[in-house]
Amino acid sequence: MAQSAQNKPLAAVYIRVSTEDQAQHGFSLAGQEDALKNYALILGYELHKVYRDEGKSAKDIAHRPAMMDMLKDAEEKKFSAIFIYKLDRFSRSLKDLILTIDKLKDWGIDFVSLQDKIETASASGKLMFHIISAFAEFERNIIGERTSFGMQRKNREGGFVNKPPFGYNMVDKELKFDPRKSPLVREIFQEFLSGTSLNKLAKKYAVSVNGVKKILANRTYLGDVKFAGEINKGTHSPLVSQDLFNSVQAKLNLKSSGKD
């Protein structure tokens, strides 16, 4: 826990107010700051720093410099708690709010919202924190499902969704031949079929034996794309012919079965 010389936990105060907020609701940076400093002292904290974003939009955390500085300091555990005036001072995006508070939980940083009566040092505050964290996990799962669905759809349409294999580059989201490495892929296939051992190929091309095997078994070089076990015809150009690929697979199978 980050502590002062007097062994008190340190608190960061975050304040944000736009011109529109001040005109409509009478919020002010000075008013928020005084209220949060006093509340932190009442709860036994000593002030570490006040982070101010004046006139910044609440919609996007990434474009608020003071907020980003505070989160960086939180990750480095320069203080033990963050005090804010209201949740909408922190973010009006529920997604940003949930995911950011979840990060604070992972970092061991308490979170206190004065007007919303949320503070993770109490049992009720911890309960609210766990509820928010549950929403964060739900949001991550939803994002993961959407990502997986999008990748599956792209795969079925022939798009490549993984890291480009040796011999290809990703150019404008499409697989293109690497002019320097693509000829080496054809050489590896042809040399293996002509009798060069896996060990010799590994030494010659500075890759592991398993690396050579992966190259020889990669259907991307045949023009296919694969995601989550599903294989489809890709939109990229193949590096080896169907006959060459099939012959190499047959030889690999013989080696793995010990018949070669």
C-alpha atoms as a PDB file:
ATOM      1  CA  MET A   1       0.000   0.000   0.000  1.00  0.00           C
ATOM      2  CA  ALA A   2       1.318   3.464  -0.930  1.00  0.00           C
ATOM      3  CA  GLN A   3       1.740   5.441   2.296  1.00  0.00           C
ATOM      4  CA  SER A   4       2.892   8.868   3.439  1.00  0.00           C
ATOM      5  CA  ALA A   5       5.696   9.587   5.883  1.00  0.00           C
ATOM      6  CA  GLN A   6       3.016   9.493   8.598  1.00  0.00           C
ATOM      7  CA  ASN A   7       2.055   5.948   7.486  1.00  0.00           C
ATOM      8  CA  LYS A   8      -1.262   7.097   6.084  1.00  0.00           C
ATOM      9  CA  PRO A   9      -2.559   5.654   2.791  1.00  0.00           C
ATOM     10  CA  LEU A  10      -2.209   8.060  -0.140  1.00  0.00           C
ATOM     11  CA  ALA A  11      -5.176   9.235  -2.194  1.00  0.00           C
ATOM     12  CA  ALA A  12      -5.448  10.646  -5.693  1.00  0.00           C
ATOM     13  CA  VAL A  13      -8.220  13.150  -6.376  1.00  0.00           C
ATOM     14  CA  TYR A  14      -9.631  13.327  -9.896  1.00  0.00           C
ATOM     15  CA  ILE A  15     -11.762  16.274 -10.973  1.00  0.00           C
ATOM     16  CA  ARG A  16     -13.301  17.110 -14.309  1.00  0.00           C
ATOM     17  CA  VAL A  17     -15.770  19.776 -15.276  1.00  0.00           C
ATOM     18  CA  SER A  18     -16.768  21.198 -18.641  1.00  0.00           C
ATOM     19  CA  THR A  19     -17.959  24.712 -19.358  1.00  0.00           C
ATOM     20  CA  GLU A  20     -21.412  23.265 -20.031  1.00  0.00           C
ATOM     21  CA  ASP A  21     -21.482  21.467 -16.660  1.00  0.00           C
ATOM     22  CA  GLN A  22     -20.566  24.605 -14.795  1.00  0.00           C
ATOM     23  CA  ALA A  23     -23.242  26.664 -16.550  1.00  0.00           C
ATOM     24  CA  GLN A  24     -26.039  24.094 -16.078  1.00  0.00           C
ATOM     25  CA  HIS A  25     -25.255  22.549 -12.705  1.00  0.00           C
ATOM     26  CA  GLY A  26     -22.967  24.970 -10.938  1.00  0.00           C
ATOM     27  CA  PHE A  27     -20.122  22.469 -10.688  1.00  0.00           C
ATOM     28  CA  SER A  28     -16.672  23.960 -10.312  1.00  0.00           C
ATOM     29  CA  LEU A  29     -13.209  22.485 -10.121  1.00  0.00           C
ATOM     30  CA  ALA A  30     -12.530  24.259  -6.841  1.00  0.00           C
ATOM     31  CA  GLY A  31     -15.764  22.995  -5.290  1.00  0.00           C
ATOM     32  CA  GLN A  32     -15.110  19.400  -6.343  1.00  0.00           C
ATOM     33  CA  GLU A  33     -11.515  19.588  -5.162  1.00  0.00           C
ATOM     34  CA  ASP A  34     -12.348  20.904  -1.693  1.00  0.00           C
ATOM     35  CA  ALA A  35     -15.102  18.334  -1.153  1.00  0.00           C
ATOM     36  CA  LEU A  36     -12.907  15.424  -2.228  1.00  0.00           C
ATOM     37  CA  LYS A  37      -9.866  16.535  -0.234  1.00  0.00           C
ATOM     38  CA  ASN A  38     -11.973  16.821   2.926  1.00  0.00           C
ATOM     39  CA  TYR A  39     -13.632  13.443   2.330  1.00  0.00           C
ATOM     40  CA  ALA A  40     -10.271  11.764   1.805  1.00  0.00           C
ATOM     41  CA  LEU A  41      -8.972  13.246   5.069  1.00  0.00           C
ATOM     42  CA  ILE A  42     -12.088  12.081   6.938  1.00  0.00           C
ATOM     43  CA  LEU A  43     -11.518   8.521   5.690  1.00  0.00           C
ATOM     44  CA  GLY A  44      -7.904   8.623   6.908  1.00  0.00           C
ATOM     45  CA  TYR A  45      -6.058   9.284   3.646  1.00  0.00           C
ATOM     46  CA  GLU A  46      -3.338  11.792   2.883  1.00  0.00           C
ATOM     47  CA  LEU A  47      -3.426  13.595  -0.470  1.00  0.00           C
ATOM     48  CA  HIS A  48      -0.975  12.340  -3.091  1.00  0.00           C
ATOM     49  CA  LYS A  49      -1.999  14.537  -6.020  1.00  0.00           C
ATOM     50  CA  VAL A  50      -4.964  16.278  -7.637  1.00  0.00           C
ATOM     51  CA  TYR A  51      -5.483  15.342 -11.297  1.00  0.00           C
ATOM     52  CA  ARG A  52      -7.478  17.962 -13.250  1.00  0.00           C
ATOM     53  CA  ASP A  53      -9.119  17.722 -16.666  1.00  0.00           C
ATOM     54  CA  GLU A  54     -10.757  21.055 -17.274  1.00  0.00           C
ATOM     55  CA  GLY A  55     -13.172  21.401 -20.179  1.00  0.00           C
ATOM     56  CA  LYS A  56     -12.513  17.823 -21.366  1.00  0.00           C
ATOM     57  CA  SER A  57     -15.247  15.575 -22.729  1.00  0.00           C
ATOM     58  CA  ALA A  58     -16.433  12.738 -20.499  1.00  0.00           C
ATOM     59  CA  LYS A  59     -17.046  10.476 -23.482  1.00  0.00           C
ATOM     60  CA  ASP A  60     -13.498   9.342 -24.133  1.00  0.00           C
ATOM     61  CA  ILE A  61     -11.036   8.568 -21.330  1.00  0.00           C
ATOM     62  CA  ALA A  62      -8.126   8.202 -23.764  1.00  0.00           C
ATOM     63  CA  HIS A  63      -8.284  11.889 -24.716  1.00  0.00           C
ATOM     64  CA  ARG A  64      -8.111  13.189 -21.147  1.00  0.00           C
ATOM     65  CA  PRO A  65      -4.437  13.686 -20.260  1.00  0.00           C
ATOM     66  CA  ALA A  66      -4.891  13.999 -16.493  1.00  0.00           C
ATOM     67  CA  MET A  67      -6.992  10.837 -16.410  1.00  0.00           C
ATOM     68  CA  MET A  68      -4.358   8.923 -18.381  1.00  0.00           C
ATOM     69  CA  ASP A  69      -1.582  10.196 -16.082  1.00  0.00           C
ATOM     70  CA  MET A  70      -3.587   9.111 -13.037  1.00  0.00           C
ATOM     71  CA  LEU A  71      -4.226   5.614 -14.396  1.00  0.00           C
ATOM     72  CA  LYS A  72      -0.517   5.240 -15.200  1.00  0.00           C
ATOM     73  CA  ASP A  73       0.343   6.248 -11.626  1.00  0.00           C
ATOM     74  CA  ALA A  74      -2.327   3.858 -10.323  1.00  0.00           C
ATOM     75  CA  GLU A  75      -0.764   0.954 -12.195  1.00  0.00           C
ATOM     76  CA  GLU A  76       2.590   1.928 -10.664  1.00  0.00           C
ATOM     77  CA  LYS A  77       0.871   1.955  -7.226  1.00  0.00           C
ATOM     78  CA  LYS A  78       1.878   5.520  -6.371  1.00  0.00           C
ATOM     79  CA  PHE A  79      -1.302   5.851  -4.288  1.00  0.00           C
ATOM     80  CA  SER A  80      -3.878   3.584  -2.662  1.00  0.00           C
ATOM     81  CA  ALA A  81      -7.217   5.102  -3.682  1.00  0.00           C
ATOM     82  CA  ILE A  82      -8.885   7.353  -6.242  1.00  0.00           C
ATOM     83  CA  PHE A  83     -11.521   9.855  -5.117  1.00  0.00           C
ATOM     84  CA  ILE A  84     -14.019  11.267  -7.614  1.00  0.00           C
ATOM     85  CA  TYR A  85     -17.051  13.546  -7.180  1.00  0.00           C
ATOM     86  CA  LYS A  86     -19.558  11.544  -9.248  1.00  0.00           C
ATOM     87  CA  LEU A  87     -19.344   8.551 -11.585  1.00  0.00           C
ATOM     88  CA  ASP A  88     -20.250  10.738 -14.575  1.00  0.00           C
ATOM     89  CA  ARG A  89     -17.200  12.909 -13.740  1.00  0.00           C
ATOM     90  CA  PHE A  90     -15.129   9.804 -14.373  1.00  0.00           C
ATOM     91  CA  SER A  91     -16.863   8.697 -17.569  1.00  0.00           C
ATOM     92  CA  ARG A  92     -20.262   8.828 -19.217  1.00  0.00           C
ATOM     93  CA  SER A  93     -19.401   5.672 -21.130  1.00  0.00           C
ATOM     94  CA  LEU A  94     -20.588   2.672 -19.090  1.00  0.00           C
ATOM     95  CA  LYS A  95     -18.153   0.446 -20.934  1.00  0.00           C
ATOM     96  CA  ASP A  96     -15.152   2.698 -20.138  1.00  0.00           C
ATOM     97  CA  LEU A  97     -16.286   3.058 -16.533  1.00  0.00           C
ATOM     98  CA  ILE A  98     -16.694  -0.668 -15.937  1.00  0.00           C
ATOM     99  CA  LEU A  99     -13.455  -1.717 -17.623  1.00  0.00           C
ATOM    100  CA  THR A 100     -11.413   1.025 -15.919  1.00  0.00           C
ATOM    101  CA  ILE A 101     -12.749   0.241 -12.451  1.00  0.00           C
ATOM    102  CA  ASP A 102     -11.998  -3.427 -13.093  1.00  0.00           C
ATOM    103  CA  LYS A 103      -8.377  -2.496 -13.856  1.00  0.00           C
ATOM    104  CA  LEU A 104      -8.193  -0.593 -10.561  1.00  0.00           C
ATOM    105  CA  LYS A 105      -9.424  -3.701  -8.757  1.00  0.00           C
ATOM    106  CA  ASP A 106      -6.637  -5.766 -10.363  1.00  0.00           C
ATOM    107  CA  TRP A 107      -4.090  -3.135  -9.302  1.00  0.00           C
ATOM    108  CA  GLY A 108      -5.403  -3.076  -5.717  1.00  0.00           C
ATOM    109  CA  ILE A 109      -6.525   0.567  -5.922  1.00  0.00           C
ATOM    110  CA  ASP A 110      -9.631   1.571  -3.941  1.00  0.00           C
ATOM    111  CA  PHE A 111     -12.257   3.651  -5.745  1.00  0.00           C
ATOM    112  CA  VAL A 112     -14.405   6.265  -4.010  1.00  0.00           C
ATOM    113  CA  SER A 113     -17.283   8.235  -5.542  1.00  0.00           C
ATOM    114  CA  LEU A 114     -18.494  10.916  -3.132  1.00  0.00           C
ATOM    115  CA  GLN A 115     -21.978  11.643  -4.526  1.00  0.00           C
ATOM    116  CA  ASP A 116     -22.743   8.021  -5.442  1.00  0.00           C
ATOM    117  CA  LYS A 117     -21.745   6.713  -1.981  1.00  0.00           C
ATOM    118  CA  ILE A 118     -19.373   4.146  -3.482  1.00  0.00           C
ATOM    119  CA  GLU A 119     -16.176   3.334  -1.630  1.00  0.00           C
ATOM    120  CA  THR A 120     -14.444  -0.014  -1.766  1.00  0.00           C
ATOM    121  CA  ALA A 121     -13.098   0.159   1.790  1.00  0.00           C
ATOM    122  CA  SER A 122     -16.519  -0.779   3.200  1.00  0.00           C
ATOM    123  CA  ALA A 123     -18.530  -4.003   2.819  1.00  0.00           C
ATOM    124  CA  SER A 124     -21.278  -2.282   0.814  1.00  0.00           C
ATOM    125  CA  GLY A 125     -18.701  -0.517  -1.319  1.00  0.00           C
ATOM    126  CA  LYS A 126     -16.900  -3.783  -2.029  1.00  0.00           C
ATOM    127  CA  LEU A 127     -20.213  -5.351  -3.014  1.00  0.00           C
ATOM    128  CA  MET A 128     -20.816  -2.552  -5.536  1.00  0.00           C
ATOM    129  CA  PHE A 129     -17.259  -2.986  -6.771  1.00  0.00           C
ATOM    130  CA  HIS A 130     -17.843  -6.728  -7.313  1.00  0.00           C
ATOM    131  CA  ILE A 131     -21.082  -5.978  -9.167  1.00  0.00           C
ATOM    132  CA  ILE A 132     -19.252  -3.538 -11.449  1.00  0.00           C
ATOM    133  CA  SER A 133     -16.485  -6.130 -11.956  1.00  0.00           C
ATOM    134  CA  ALA A 134     -19.084  -8.738 -12.916  1.00  0.00           C
ATOM    135  CA  PHE A 135     -20.372  -6.365 -15.577  1.00  0.00           C
ATOM    136  CA  ALA A 136     -16.772  -5.908 -16.734  1.00  0.00           C
ATOM    137  CA  GLU A 137     -16.370  -9.676 -17.159  1.00  0.00           C
ATOM    138  CA  PHE A 138     -19.679  -9.810 -19.023  1.00  0.00           C
ATOM    139  CA  GLU A 139     -18.523  -6.984 -21.310  1.00  0.00           C
ATOM    140  CA  ARG A 140     -15.231  -8.768 -22.040  1.00  0.00           C
ATOM    141  CA  ASN A 141     -17.090 -11.992 -22.866  1.00  0.00           C
ATOM    142  CA  ILE A 142     -19.421 -10.130 -25.221  1.00  0.00           C
ATOM    143  CA  ILE A 143     -16.425  -8.499 -26.936  1.00  0.00           C
ATOM    144  CA  GLY A 144     -14.749 -11.921 -27.228  1.00  0.00           C
ATOM    145  CA  GLU A 145     -17.862 -13.471 -28.765  1.00  0.00           C
ATOM    146  CA  ARG A 146     -18.205 -10.628 -31.248  1.00  0.00           C
ATOM    147  CA  THR A 147     -14.522 -10.888 -32.162  1.00  0.00           C
ATOM    148  CA  SER A 148     -14.745 -14.648 -32.610  1.00  0.00           C
ATOM    149  CA  PHE A 149     -17.908 -14.321 -34.701  1.00  0.00           C
ATOM    150  CA  GLY A 150     -16.269 -11.674 -36.886  1.00  0.00           C
ATOM    151  CA  MET A 151     -13.163 -13.795 -37.385  1.00  0.00           C
ATOM    152  CA  GLN A 152     -15.239 -16.865 -38.269  1.00  0.00           C
ATOM    153  CA  ARG A 153     -17.197 -14.845 -40.810  1.00  0.00           C
ATOM    154  CA  LYS A 154     -14.002 -13.440 -42.308  1.00  0.00           C
ATOM    155  CA  ASN A 155     -12.546 -16.951 -42.488  1.00  0.00           C
ATOM    156  CA  ARG A 156     -15.625 -18.257 -44.325  1.00  0.00           C
ATOM    157  CA  GLU A 157     -15.269 -15.405 -46.795  1.00  0.00           C
ATOM    158  CA  GLY A 158     -11.654 -16.440 -47.446  1.00  0.00           C
ATOM    159  CA  GLY A 159      -9.990 -13.736 -45.354  1.00  0.00           C
ATOM    160  CA  PHE A 160      -6.923 -14.510 -43.248  1.00  0.00           C
ATOM    161  CA  VAL A 161      -7.408 -13.938 -39.500  1.00  0.00           C
ATOM    162  CA  ASN A 162      -4.122 -15.135 -37.988  1.00  0.00           C
ATOM    163  CA  LYS A 163      -0.509 -13.984 -38.006  1.00  0.00           C
ATOM    164  CA  PRO A 164       0.936 -14.177 -41.547  1.00  0.00           C
ATOM    165  CA  PRO A 165       3.030 -17.350 -41.948  1.00  0.00           C
ATOM    166  CA  PHE A 166       6.600 -17.393 -43.196  1.00  0.00           C
ATOM    167  CA  GLY A 167       6.608 -16.353 -46.866  1.00  0.00           C
ATOM    168  CA  TYR A 168       3.682 -13.933 -46.651  1.00  0.00           C
ATOM    169  CA  ASN A 169       3.125 -10.353 -45.493  1.00  0.00           C
ATOM    170  CA  MET A 170      -0.145  -8.714 -44.493  1.00  0.00           C
ATOM    171  CA  VAL A 171      -0.759  -5.785 -46.859  1.00  0.00           C
ATOM    172  CA  ASP A 172      -4.028  -3.823 -46.590  1.00  0.00           C
ATOM    173  CA  LYS A 173      -5.535  -6.730 -44.609  1.00  0.00           C
ATOM    174  CA  GLU A 174      -4.661  -9.219 -47.347  1.00  0.00           C
ATOM    175  CA  LEU A 175      -1.953 -11.880 -47.567  1.00  0.00           C
ATOM    176  CA  LYS A 176       0.695 -11.017 -50.155  1.00  0.00           C
ATOM    177  CA  PHE A 177       3.863 -12.854 -51.140  1.00  0.00           C
ATOM    178  CA  ASP A 178       6.990 -11.786 -49.292  1.00  0.00           C
ATOM    179  CA  PRO A 179       9.365 -11.340 -52.266  1.00  0.00           C
ATOM    180  CA  ARG A 180      12.382 -12.489 -50.230  1.00  0.00           C
ATOM    181  CA  LYS A 181      10.897 -15.375 -48.229  1.00  0.00           C
ATOM    182  CA  SER A 182       8.204 -16.852 -50.477  1.00  0.00           C
ATOM    183  CA  PRO A 183      10.743 -18.586 -52.788  1.00  0.00           C
ATOM    184  CA  LEU A 184      12.261 -20.236 -49.686  1.00  0.00           C
ATOM    185  CA  VAL A 185       8.928 -21.871 -48.857  1.00  0.00           C
ATOM    186  CA  ARG A 186       8.810 -23.542 -52.283  1.00  0.00           C
ATOM    187  CA  GLU A 187      12.433 -24.647 -51.825  1.00  0.00           C
ATOM    188  CA  ILE A 188      11.641 -26.257 -48.453  1.00  0.00           C
ATOM    189  CA  PHE A 189       8.722 -28.222 -49.940  1.00  0.00           C
ATOM    190  CA  GLN A 190      10.703 -29.366 -52.969  1.00  0.00           C
ATOM    191  CA  GLU A 191      13.867 -30.249 -51.056  1.00  0.00           C
ATOM    192  CA  PHE A 192      11.954 -32.281 -48.482  1.00  0.00           C
ATOM    193  CA  LEU A 193      10.179 -34.212 -51.224  1.00  0.00           C
ATOM    194  CA  SER A 194      13.478 -34.862 -52.989  1.00  0.00           C
ATOM    195  CA  GLY A 195      14.939 -36.486 -49.875  1.00  0.00           C
ATOM    196  CA  THR A 196      16.506 -33.752 -47.726  1.00  0.00           C
ATOM    197  CA  SER A 197      15.986 -34.601 -44.050  1.00  0.00           C
ATOM    198  CA  LEU A 198      14.054 -32.401 -41.624  1.00  0.00           C
ATOM    199  CA  ASN A 199      17.230 -31.848 -39.597  1.00  0.00           C
ATOM    200  CA  LYS A 200      19.188 -30.633 -42.616  1.00  0.00           C
ATOM    201  CA  LEU A 201      16.338 -28.334 -43.664  1.00  0.00           C
ATOM    202  CA  ALA A 202      16.173 -26.921 -40.132  1.00  0.00           C
ATOM    203  CA  LYS A 203      19.904 -26.119 -40.159  1.00  0.00           C
ATOM    204  CA  LYS A 204      19.850 -24.706 -43.675  1.00  0.00           C
ATOM    205  CA  TYR A 205      16.910 -22.351 -43.079  1.00  0.00           C
ATOM    206  CA  ALA A 206      17.709 -21.534 -39.436  1.00  0.00           C
ATOM    207  CA  VAL A 207      14.456 -22.843 -37.979  1.00  0.00           C
ATOM    208  CA  SER A 208      13.650 -25.695 -35.589  1.00  0.00           C
ATOM    209  CA  VAL A 209      12.662 -29.150 -36.834  1.00  0.00           C
ATOM    210  CA  ASN A 210       9.142 -28.492 -35.541  1.00  0.00           C
ATOM    211  CA  GLY A 211       9.210 -25.209 -37.428  1.00  0.00           C
ATOM    212  CA  VAL A 212       9.976 -27.026 -40.655  1.00  0.00           C
ATOM    213  CA  LYS A 213       7.151 -29.493 -39.974  1.00  0.00           C
ATOM    214  CA  LYS A 214       4.713 -26.639 -39.397  1.00  0.00           C
ATOM    215  CA  ILE A 215       5.718 -25.037 -42.701  1.00  0.00           C
ATOM    216  CA  LEU A 216       5.286 -28.302 -44.580  1.00  0.00           C
ATOM    217  CA  ALA A 217       1.853 -28.940 -43.030  1.00  0.00           C
ATOM    218  CA  ASN A 218       0.508 -25.371 -43.303  1.00  0.00           C
ATOM    219  CA  ARG A 219      -2.493 -25.297 -45.645  1.00  0.00           C
ATOM    220  CA  THR A 220      -2.113 -21.527 -46.038  1.00  0.00           C
ATOM    221  CA  TYR A 221       0.588 -22.269 -48.642  1.00  0.00           C
ATOM    222  CA  LEU A 222      -2.025 -24.261 -50.537  1.00  0.00           C
ATOM    223  CA  GLY A 223      -4.359 -21.246 -50.607  1.00  0.00           C
ATOM    224  CA  ASP A 224      -6.596 -22.262 -47.703  1.00  0.00           C
ATOM    225  CA  VAL A 225      -7.510 -20.356 -44.541  1.00  0.00           C
ATOM    226  CA  LYS A 226      -8.208 -21.964 -41.163  1.00  0.00           C
ATOM    227  CA  PHE A 227      -9.865 -20.683 -37.977  1.00  0.00           C
ATOM    228  CA  ALA A 228     -11.226 -22.664 -35.001  1.00  0.00           C
ATOM    229  CA  GLY A 229     -10.755 -25.934 -36.907  1.00  0.00           C
ATOM    230  CA  GLU A 230     -12.751 -24.742 -39.919  1.00  0.00           C
ATOM    231  CA  ILE A 231     -10.943 -24.707 -43.277  1.00  0.00           C
ATOM    232  CA  ASN A 232     -12.077 -22.570 -46.211  1.00  0.00           C
ATOM    233  CA  LYS A 233     -10.610 -21.493 -49.545  1.00  0.00           C
ATOM    234  CA  GLY A 234      -8.689 -18.269 -49.115  1.00  0.00           C
ATOM    235  CA  THR A 235      -8.633 -15.181 -51.272  1.00  0.00           C
ATOM    236  CA  HIS A 236      -4.811 -15.140 -51.296  1.00  0.00           C
ATOM    237  CA  SER A 237      -2.569 -16.773 -53.902  1.00  0.00           C
ATOM    238  CA  PRO A 238      -1.078 -20.193 -53.030  1.00  0.00           C
ATOM    239  CA  LEU A 239       2.672 -20.726 -52.803  1.00  0.00           C
ATOM    240  CA  VAL A 240       2.677 -24.442 -53.681  1.00  0.00           C
ATOM    241  CA  SER A 241       0.585 -26.640 -55.969  1.00  0.00           C
ATOM    242  CA  GLN A 242      -1.990 -29.163 -54.792  1.00  0.00           C
ATOM    243  CA  ASP A 243       0.138 -32.043 -56.114  1.00  0.00           C
ATOM    244  CA  LEU A 244       3.264 -30.860 -54.311  1.00  0.00           C
ATOM    245  CA  PHE A 245       1.392 -30.279 -51.055  1.00  0.00           C
ATOM    246  CA  ASN A 246      -0.298 -33.701 -51.183  1.00  0.00           C
ATOM    247  CA  SER A 247       2.991 -35.473 -51.925  1.00  0.00           C
ATOM    248  CA  VAL A 248       4.682 -33.735 -48.988  1.00  0.00           C
ATOM    249  CA  GLN A 249       1.812 -34.665 -46.634  1.00  0.00           C
ATOM    250  CA  ALA A 250       2.041 -38.290 -47.699  1.00  0.00           C
ATOM    251  CA  LYS A 251       5.775 -38.341 -46.941  1.00  0.00           C
ATOM    252  CA  LEU A 252       5.247 -36.605 -43.570  1.00  0.00           C
ATOM    253  CA  ASN A 253       2.653 -39.227 -42.650  1.00  0.00           C
ATOM    254  CA  LEU A 254       5.078 -42.025 -43.540  1.00  0.00           C
ATOM    255  CA  LYS A 255       7.769 -40.463 -41.346  1.00  0.00           C
ATOM    256  CA  SER A 256       5.382 -40.018 -38.400  1.00  0.00           C
ATOM    257  CA  SER A 257       4.259 -43.635 -38.691  1.00  0.00           C
ATOM    258  CA  GLY A 258       7.862 -44.844 -38.828  1.00  0.00           C
ATOM    259  CA  LYS A 259       7.411 -46.515 -42.220  1.00  0.00           C
ATOM    260  CA  ASP A 260       9.915 -44.284 -44.020  1.00  0.00           C
END
